């Protein structure tokens, strides 16, 4: 199973070289805009990758050498970087032309973004999403509130990356609703009866 940190780094690098679909790219761009430290980490990964490529003909790299080099490069990157360009997600969230919110499950609804293969997802406080896996890559960015699953807790600006090896049961603690921006490269793979019913209507 791919380690979560490695999967995250791979998504950042795919974004950097333009290998992600537009919806997924916008999700990553929003993450980098909200979290400047993540943008600096991406620059470090790019620098480490370039140096590793130059050294490849000289000697094989150790398994974690790229990460060591990235950490070293990260320490040298200026703190101020230009924010990535992205649509006004705040405006898209309230734009009447964006269409209605669609109820997916009790306490869970989504809203498509016109012209973009990504959706807003709102989870009411205290609600839990049925356990599920993924048929492809799923990127979820927390815009408001927080949620947690089997693997951790995620707050505003956190980018949660899941692939076909990840199964989880997201839940929102009581107190505040959670709004996320999500892009999926495959359908959810439900577990259990409730999950299969959810999938049947999506």
C-alpha atoms as a PDB file:
ATOM      1  CA  UNK A   1       0.000   0.000   0.000  1.00  0.00           C
ATOM      2  CA  UNK A   2       1.279   3.450  -0.923  1.00  0.00           C
ATOM      3  CA  UNK A   3       2.073   5.609   2.106  1.00  0.00           C
ATOM      4  CA  UNK A   4      -0.249   8.613   2.413  1.00  0.00           C
ATOM      5  CA  UNK A   5       2.658  11.088   2.323  1.00  0.00           C
ATOM      6  CA  UNK A   6       4.033   9.514  -0.859  1.00  0.00           C
ATOM      7  CA  UNK A   7       0.584   9.635  -2.487  1.00  0.00           C
ATOM      8  CA  UNK A   8       0.240  13.304  -1.548  1.00  0.00           C
ATOM      9  CA  UNK A   9       3.678  14.101  -2.983  1.00  0.00           C
ATOM     10  CA  UNK A  10       2.852  12.221  -6.187  1.00  0.00           C
ATOM     11  CA  UNK A  11      -0.343  14.274  -6.620  1.00  0.00           C
ATOM     12  CA  UNK A  12       1.592  17.522  -6.133  1.00  0.00           C
ATOM     13  CA  UNK A  13       4.129  16.482  -8.753  1.00  0.00           C
ATOM     14  CA  UNK A  14       1.368  15.463 -11.193  1.00  0.00           C
ATOM     15  CA  UNK A  15      -0.130  18.909 -10.670  1.00  0.00           C
ATOM     16  CA  UNK A  16       3.234  20.568 -11.304  1.00  0.00           C
ATOM     17  CA  UNK A  17       3.696  18.829 -14.673  1.00  0.00           C
ATOM     18  CA  UNK A  18       0.070  19.281 -15.748  1.00  0.00           C
ATOM     19  CA  UNK A  19      -0.848  15.598 -15.500  1.00  0.00           C
ATOM     20  CA  UNK A  20      -4.046  16.088 -13.466  1.00  0.00           C
ATOM     21  CA  UNK A  21      -7.516  16.681 -14.959  1.00  0.00           C
ATOM     22  CA  UNK A  22      -8.750  20.267 -14.623  1.00  0.00           C
ATOM     23  CA  UNK A  23     -11.067  19.598 -11.691  1.00  0.00           C
ATOM     24  CA  UNK A  24      -8.337  17.890  -9.682  1.00  0.00           C
ATOM     25  CA  UNK A  25      -5.891  20.658 -10.628  1.00  0.00           C
ATOM     26  CA  UNK A  26      -8.252  23.305  -9.255  1.00  0.00           C
ATOM     27  CA  UNK A  27      -8.578  21.380  -5.985  1.00  0.00           C
ATOM     28  CA  UNK A  28      -4.777  21.232  -5.642  1.00  0.00           C
ATOM     29  CA  UNK A  29      -4.406  24.909  -6.636  1.00  0.00           C
ATOM     30  CA  UNK A  30      -6.901  25.893  -3.933  1.00  0.00           C
ATOM     31  CA  UNK A  31      -4.961  23.826  -1.399  1.00  0.00           C
ATOM     32  CA  UNK A  32      -1.709  25.569  -2.346  1.00  0.00           C
ATOM     33  CA  UNK A  33      -3.370  28.982  -2.131  1.00  0.00           C
ATOM     34  CA  UNK A  34      -4.790  28.320   1.334  1.00  0.00           C
ATOM     35  CA  UNK A  35      -1.602  26.644   2.576  1.00  0.00           C
ATOM     36  CA  UNK A  36       1.508  28.541   1.384  1.00  0.00           C
ATOM     37  CA  UNK A  37       3.673  25.999   3.207  1.00  0.00           C
ATOM     38  CA  UNK A  38       2.327  23.320   0.847  1.00  0.00           C
ATOM     39  CA  UNK A  39       3.332  25.488  -2.128  1.00  0.00           C
ATOM     40  CA  UNK A  40       6.851  25.760  -0.725  1.00  0.00           C
ATOM     41  CA  UNK A  41       6.950  21.979  -0.243  1.00  0.00           C
ATOM     42  CA  UNK A  42       5.974  21.511  -3.892  1.00  0.00           C
ATOM     43  CA  UNK A  43       8.870  23.739  -4.934  1.00  0.00           C
ATOM     44  CA  UNK A  44      11.170  21.627  -2.752  1.00  0.00           C
ATOM     45  CA  UNK A  45       9.944  18.436  -4.403  1.00  0.00           C
ATOM     46  CA  UNK A  46      10.538  19.946  -7.833  1.00  0.00           C
ATOM     47  CA  UNK A  47      14.062  20.988  -6.848  1.00  0.00           C
ATOM     48  CA  UNK A  48      14.819  17.550  -5.411  1.00  0.00           C
ATOM     49  CA  UNK A  49      13.460  15.851  -8.517  1.00  0.00           C
ATOM     50  CA  UNK A  50      15.593  17.993 -10.809  1.00  0.00           C
ATOM     51  CA  UNK A  51      18.728  17.294  -8.771  1.00  0.00           C
ATOM     52  CA  UNK A  52      17.974  13.579  -8.629  1.00  0.00           C
ATOM     53  CA  UNK A  53      17.611  13.525 -12.424  1.00  0.00           C
ATOM     54  CA  UNK A  54      20.997  15.212 -12.847  1.00  0.00           C
ATOM     55  CA  UNK A  55      22.659  12.725 -10.470  1.00  0.00           C
ATOM     56  CA  UNK A  56      20.989   9.620 -11.909  1.00  0.00           C
ATOM     57  CA  UNK A  57      23.851   8.814 -14.293  1.00  0.00           C
ATOM     58  CA  UNK A  58      26.371   9.017 -11.470  1.00  0.00           C
ATOM     59  CA  UNK A  59      24.892   6.741  -8.818  1.00  0.00           C
ATOM     60  CA  UNK A  60      21.507   5.131  -7.958  1.00  0.00           C
ATOM     61  CA  UNK A  61      19.434   7.037  -5.399  1.00  0.00           C
ATOM     62  CA  UNK A  62      18.567   5.596  -1.994  1.00  0.00           C
ATOM     63  CA  UNK A  63      14.848   4.993  -1.491  1.00  0.00           C
ATOM     64  CA  UNK A  64      14.339   8.075   0.695  1.00  0.00           C
ATOM     65  CA  UNK A  65      17.018  10.257  -0.889  1.00  0.00           C
ATOM     66  CA  UNK A  66      14.531  12.421  -2.766  1.00  0.00           C
ATOM     67  CA  UNK A  67      12.706  13.218   0.469  1.00  0.00           C
ATOM     68  CA  UNK A  68      15.975  14.087   2.224  1.00  0.00           C
ATOM     69  CA  UNK A  69      16.896  16.384  -0.652  1.00  0.00           C
ATOM     70  CA  UNK A  70      13.410  17.896  -0.667  1.00  0.00           C
ATOM     71  CA  UNK A  71      13.632  18.706   3.039  1.00  0.00           C
ATOM     72  CA  UNK A  72      16.992  20.383   2.445  1.00  0.00           C
ATOM     73  CA  UNK A  73      15.629  22.371  -0.481  1.00  0.00           C
ATOM     74  CA  UNK A  74      12.510  23.280   1.505  1.00  0.00           C
ATOM     75  CA  UNK A  75      14.643  24.981   4.144  1.00  0.00           C
ATOM     76  CA  UNK A  76      16.132  27.294   1.491  1.00  0.00           C
ATOM     77  CA  UNK A  77      12.886  28.367  -0.218  1.00  0.00           C
ATOM     78  CA  UNK A  78      11.654  31.920   0.515  1.00  0.00           C
ATOM     79  CA  UNK A  79       8.505  32.117   2.626  1.00  0.00           C
ATOM     80  CA  UNK A  80       6.712  34.450   0.204  1.00  0.00           C
ATOM     81  CA  UNK A  81       5.503  32.829  -3.004  1.00  0.00           C
ATOM     82  CA  UNK A  82       2.842  33.984  -5.473  1.00  0.00           C
ATOM     83  CA  UNK A  83      -0.529  32.327  -4.938  1.00  0.00           C
ATOM     84  CA  UNK A  84      -1.640  29.887  -7.667  1.00  0.00           C
ATOM     85  CA  UNK A  85      -4.384  31.095  -9.998  1.00  0.00           C
ATOM     86  CA  UNK A  86      -7.772  29.498  -9.405  1.00  0.00           C
ATOM     87  CA  UNK A  87     -11.467  30.300  -9.815  1.00  0.00           C
ATOM     88  CA  UNK A  88     -13.225  32.330  -7.124  1.00  0.00           C
ATOM     89  CA  UNK A  89     -14.485  29.335  -5.171  1.00  0.00           C
ATOM     90  CA  UNK A  90     -16.254  31.515  -2.654  1.00  0.00           C
ATOM     91  CA  UNK A  91     -18.316  33.091  -5.420  1.00  0.00           C
ATOM     92  CA  UNK A  92     -18.967  29.680  -6.979  1.00  0.00           C
ATOM     93  CA  UNK A  93     -20.263  28.427  -3.663  1.00  0.00           C
ATOM     94  CA  UNK A  94     -23.059  31.022  -3.514  1.00  0.00           C
ATOM     95  CA  UNK A  95     -23.602  31.684  -7.243  1.00  0.00           C
ATOM     96  CA  UNK A  96     -27.300  31.045  -8.030  1.00  0.00           C
ATOM     97  CA  UNK A  97     -26.305  30.087 -11.592  1.00  0.00           C
ATOM     98  CA  UNK A  98     -24.339  27.210 -10.165  1.00  0.00           C
ATOM     99  CA  UNK A  99     -27.468  25.189  -9.727  1.00  0.00           C
ATOM    100  CA  UNK A 100     -29.107  23.719  -6.635  1.00  0.00           C
ATOM    101  CA  UNK A 101     -27.567  21.624  -3.912  1.00  0.00           C
ATOM    102  CA  UNK A 102     -28.459  17.937  -4.327  1.00  0.00           C
ATOM    103  CA  UNK A 103     -29.134  15.754  -1.313  1.00  0.00           C
ATOM    104  CA  UNK A 104     -27.027  12.593  -1.466  1.00  0.00           C
ATOM    105  CA  UNK A 105     -27.760  11.190   1.990  1.00  0.00           C
ATOM    106  CA  UNK A 106     -29.470  12.648   5.062  1.00  0.00           C
ATOM    107  CA  UNK A 107     -27.109  15.377   6.246  1.00  0.00           C
ATOM    108  CA  UNK A 108     -24.963  15.209   3.097  1.00  0.00           C
ATOM    109  CA  UNK A 109     -25.447  17.213  -0.074  1.00  0.00           C
ATOM    110  CA  UNK A 110     -23.354  18.269  -3.050  1.00  0.00           C
ATOM    111  CA  UNK A 111     -23.279  20.995  -5.652  1.00  0.00           C
ATOM    112  CA  UNK A 112     -21.625  20.737  -9.052  1.00  0.00           C
ATOM    113  CA  UNK A 113     -19.443  23.567 -10.350  1.00  0.00           C
ATOM    114  CA  UNK A 114     -20.451  24.444 -13.929  1.00  0.00           C
ATOM    115  CA  UNK A 115     -17.668  23.777 -16.412  1.00  0.00           C
ATOM    116  CA  UNK A 116     -15.495  22.060 -13.831  1.00  0.00           C
ATOM    117  CA  UNK A 117     -15.233  18.373 -12.976  1.00  0.00           C
ATOM    118  CA  UNK A 118     -15.372  19.053  -9.243  1.00  0.00           C
ATOM    119  CA  UNK A 119     -18.091  19.438  -6.629  1.00  0.00           C
ATOM    120  CA  UNK A 120     -18.749  21.112  -3.320  1.00  0.00           C
ATOM    121  CA  UNK A 121     -19.764  18.677  -0.592  1.00  0.00           C
ATOM    122  CA  UNK A 122     -21.524  19.747   2.597  1.00  0.00           C
ATOM    123  CA  UNK A 123     -21.715  17.464   5.606  1.00  0.00           C
ATOM    124  CA  UNK A 124     -23.901  18.499   8.515  1.00  0.00           C
ATOM    125  CA  UNK A 125     -22.404  18.489  11.977  1.00  0.00           C
ATOM    126  CA  UNK A 126     -22.639  15.086  13.628  1.00  0.00           C
ATOM    127  CA  UNK A 127     -23.094  13.164  10.360  1.00  0.00           C
ATOM    128  CA  UNK A 128     -21.119  10.172   9.097  1.00  0.00           C
ATOM    129  CA  UNK A 129     -20.558   9.065   5.490  1.00  0.00           C
ATOM    130  CA  UNK A 130     -20.916   5.304   4.898  1.00  0.00           C
ATOM    131  CA  UNK A 131     -17.648   3.381   4.789  1.00  0.00           C
ATOM    132  CA  UNK A 132     -16.297   3.240   1.257  1.00  0.00           C
ATOM    133  CA  UNK A 133     -13.250   2.844  -0.915  1.00  0.00           C
ATOM    134  CA  UNK A 134     -12.452   4.367  -4.295  1.00  0.00           C
ATOM    135  CA  UNK A 135     -12.188   3.123  -7.858  1.00  0.00           C
ATOM    136  CA  UNK A 136      -9.690   5.867  -8.644  1.00  0.00           C
ATOM    137  CA  UNK A 137      -8.018   8.912  -7.157  1.00  0.00           C
ATOM    138  CA  UNK A 138     -10.130  11.219  -4.976  1.00  0.00           C
ATOM    139  CA  UNK A 139      -8.962  14.641  -3.817  1.00  0.00           C
ATOM    140  CA  UNK A 140     -10.868  16.386  -1.036  1.00  0.00           C
ATOM    141  CA  UNK A 141     -10.008  19.870   0.224  1.00  0.00           C
ATOM    142  CA  UNK A 142     -11.546  21.161   3.456  1.00  0.00           C
ATOM    143  CA  UNK A 143     -12.861  24.712   2.933  1.00  0.00           C
ATOM    144  CA  UNK A 144     -14.875  25.147   6.138  1.00  0.00           C
ATOM    145  CA  UNK A 145     -15.120  23.221   9.389  1.00  0.00           C
ATOM    146  CA  UNK A 146     -13.432  19.841   9.698  1.00  0.00           C
ATOM    147  CA  UNK A 147     -13.972  16.115   9.355  1.00  0.00           C
ATOM    148  CA  UNK A 148     -12.182  13.002  10.510  1.00  0.00           C
ATOM    149  CA  UNK A 149     -11.863   9.398   9.389  1.00  0.00           C
ATOM    150  CA  UNK A 150      -9.946   6.244  10.211  1.00  0.00           C
ATOM    151  CA  UNK A 151      -6.672   7.907   9.245  1.00  0.00           C
ATOM    152  CA  UNK A 152      -6.787  11.329  10.888  1.00  0.00           C
ATOM    153  CA  UNK A 153      -8.544  14.687  11.358  1.00  0.00           C
ATOM    154  CA  UNK A 154      -8.653  17.331   8.633  1.00  0.00           C
ATOM    155  CA  UNK A 155      -9.164  21.084   8.946  1.00  0.00           C
ATOM    156  CA  UNK A 156      -9.445  24.072   6.613  1.00  0.00           C
ATOM    157  CA  UNK A 157      -6.769  23.894   3.929  1.00  0.00           C
ATOM    158  CA  UNK A 158      -6.015  20.199   4.392  1.00  0.00           C
ATOM    159  CA  UNK A 159      -5.933  18.145   1.194  1.00  0.00           C
ATOM    160  CA  UNK A 160      -7.025  14.537   1.674  1.00  0.00           C
ATOM    161  CA  UNK A 161      -5.801  12.174  -1.056  1.00  0.00           C
ATOM    162  CA  UNK A 162      -7.331   8.707  -1.410  1.00  0.00           C
ATOM    163  CA  UNK A 163      -6.765   6.028  -4.032  1.00  0.00           C
ATOM    164  CA  UNK A 164      -8.036   2.497  -4.644  1.00  0.00           C
ATOM    165  CA  UNK A 165      -6.076   1.248  -1.622  1.00  0.00           C
ATOM    166  CA  UNK A 166      -7.827   3.567   0.844  1.00  0.00           C
ATOM    167  CA  UNK A 167     -11.073   2.734   2.638  1.00  0.00           C
ATOM    168  CA  UNK A 168     -12.535   5.117   5.188  1.00  0.00           C
ATOM    169  CA  UNK A 169     -15.662   6.381   6.963  1.00  0.00           C
ATOM    170  CA  UNK A 170     -15.630  10.197   7.093  1.00  0.00           C
ATOM    171  CA  UNK A 171     -17.527  11.827   9.954  1.00  0.00           C
ATOM    172  CA  UNK A 172     -18.109  15.396  11.118  1.00  0.00           C
ATOM    173  CA  UNK A 173     -18.055  16.093  14.859  1.00  0.00           C
ATOM    174  CA  UNK A 174     -20.961  17.940  16.426  1.00  0.00           C
ATOM    175  CA  UNK A 175     -20.776  21.702  16.435  1.00  0.00           C
ATOM    176  CA  UNK A 176     -20.090  22.944  12.895  1.00  0.00           C
ATOM    177  CA  UNK A 177     -20.907  21.832   9.369  1.00  0.00           C
ATOM    178  CA  UNK A 178     -18.100  20.874   7.003  1.00  0.00           C
ATOM    179  CA  UNK A 179     -17.802  22.078   3.404  1.00  0.00           C
ATOM    180  CA  UNK A 180     -15.265  20.511   1.061  1.00  0.00           C
ATOM    181  CA  UNK A 181     -14.202  20.814  -2.560  1.00  0.00           C
ATOM    182  CA  UNK A 182     -13.754  17.405  -4.142  1.00  0.00           C
ATOM    183  CA  UNK A 183     -12.661  15.898  -7.455  1.00  0.00           C
ATOM    184  CA  UNK A 184     -12.849  12.168  -8.164  1.00  0.00           C
ATOM    185  CA  UNK A 185     -11.293  10.173 -10.989  1.00  0.00           C
ATOM    186  CA  UNK A 186     -13.534   7.204 -10.215  1.00  0.00           C
ATOM    187  CA  UNK A 187     -16.736   6.289  -8.413  1.00  0.00           C
ATOM    188  CA  UNK A 188     -16.827   5.489  -4.687  1.00  0.00           C
ATOM    189  CA  UNK A 189     -16.640   1.782  -3.873  1.00  0.00           C
ATOM    190  CA  UNK A 190     -19.189   1.224  -1.074  1.00  0.00           C
ATOM    191  CA  UNK A 191     -18.916  -1.184   1.827  1.00  0.00           C
ATOM    192  CA  UNK A 192     -22.014  -2.613   3.500  1.00  0.00           C
ATOM    193  CA  UNK A 193     -25.712  -2.193   2.708  1.00  0.00           C
ATOM    194  CA  UNK A 194     -25.969   1.554   3.381  1.00  0.00           C
ATOM    195  CA  UNK A 195     -22.930   2.220   1.232  1.00  0.00           C
ATOM    196  CA  UNK A 196     -24.348   0.173  -1.646  1.00  0.00           C
ATOM    197  CA  UNK A 197     -27.649   2.075  -1.447  1.00  0.00           C
ATOM    198  CA  UNK A 198     -25.718   5.350  -1.518  1.00  0.00           C
ATOM    199  CA  UNK A 199     -23.784   4.233  -4.587  1.00  0.00           C
ATOM    200  CA  UNK A 200     -26.951   3.086  -6.376  1.00  0.00           C
ATOM    201  CA  UNK A 201     -28.305   6.649  -6.360  1.00  0.00           C
ATOM    202  CA  UNK A 202     -25.073   8.304  -7.517  1.00  0.00           C
END
